[in-house]
Amino acid sequence: MGKRSSQFFYITHVDNLPSILQKGILSHGKIESENVPYTPIYDKQIVNRRKERPVNDSSNLWDYANVFFRADNAMLYRVLREKSVRDIIIIGINKTISKQKGVFFSIGNAASLQSVLIQNTDPELDKFFKEINASIQKEWWTDVDGSKRKMMAECLCPGFIPTDFISAIYVASPDMVKDIQKTVGNRIPVIPEPLMFFRPSRQIRLSSNLSLAKGDMFFSEMQTLTISVNCVGVMGKGLASRAKDQFPDVYVGYQALCHNKTLQPGKPALIKREIARDKELADSPETMTDLNRETWFLLFPTKDHWKNPADIKAIETGLKWICENYQQQGIKSLAVPALGCGLGWLSWSQVGPLMCKYLSKLTINTCIYLPTEEDTSDELLTKEFLLGD
């Protein structure tokens, strides 16, 4: 995480930035008592729960300015489902704030009674920090093991956080930087960090329906996510391993398809999950008004056995299957990794043009996620190379 590991994070609406630069990051109590103009970004019912959680005998969470150990968590995921990404900024706070008098930490979302609160003077603090740091290292979270709550670990500062502790402002895209700099000037760096906002770090539009992206495909907004698999039921590494851990129901379905010999090279299989991904990833999804974003998985065999290299002919046959069946199967949008690259030992120079040849024929929004193992040179990402234009 580089420099970000030395920061806490405050998620807020861009309209709140002028008052923050003037007064600091205020607790909800101070915002109310000082009648500070404030644009909320979160469900009022959820925020008000913080009034009910005592911190000590004389205060509750309402009296503390709260910042997160990690910004890309279930709260931010929900915020970005309900607000425009251009309205949201993330403010980096120097971790030296944690040494100030009266600071507490929560091992997880502080509003949850399951999250232990501990003061910065507690002799057991190092042990709790190890627990927090372990919980925020994951790529994803779930309710099952409590990681959704734990990923929202907080630093709680009494009253407010002075502006002197602001070390950076993060935005979702480079084109937002100039607008924010007009407000902050040169005093605070404004840094585009798309991945922090669950966006690809790089996007290239090849046609009206086909694009390239580099980032975490599992946070894609596409309806159907494609996973490269073998036909012997082993999801041991790469995206397949992530799918196995994060979506165990998909793994069960995959095992059944392998057992029945239904899954064969050149013949993908679609798993139509009924669970809304937002329910799994968003904080307090029970209060959201729209949980209809379904997530299907297209299991795409690139080889027979996991020990073998990927089969370029099987990949082409599978791409033809997509072209012939996507409408009938009800696929509305599609994310596809660089099939056979990385663990499949094929190169993007082989696979990229082949994938684009077929996927450019689809009439739905389709995104190819570039290999994550290494950077792909710009000349291999052009329309001329990939589409022959």
Foldseek 3Di string as FASTA:
>chain_A
DPPLQQWWKDKFFLVCVLVCQVFNQFAQVCCVVVVPDGDDQDDPVVVVLQQVACPDPPGTLSQWRKTFSALQAQALLVSVVVDPLLGMKMWIFGPVLLVDPPKWKWQFARSDPVTDIGHSVDPCVVVSVVSLVVLCPDPADFVPVPSRRRNRIIMIHGGGDHPVRTAAMEGQDPVSQVVSCVSVPPPHYYYYDNQSSLHFPDKADLDPAEIEGAYDQVSDLFQEEEDEDALQLDQDDDPSVVCCVLPVVVSVVSNVCSVVVVDDQLAKDKAFDPFQVSVTGHPPCVPDPDRPRHHMYIYHYQYHDLVAAGDPVSNLSNLVVCLVPVVVVPRAEYEAEQPRPDSNPDDCLSRQLSNCCRVVPDPHRYYYYYDPPDDDDPVCRHSCSNVVD
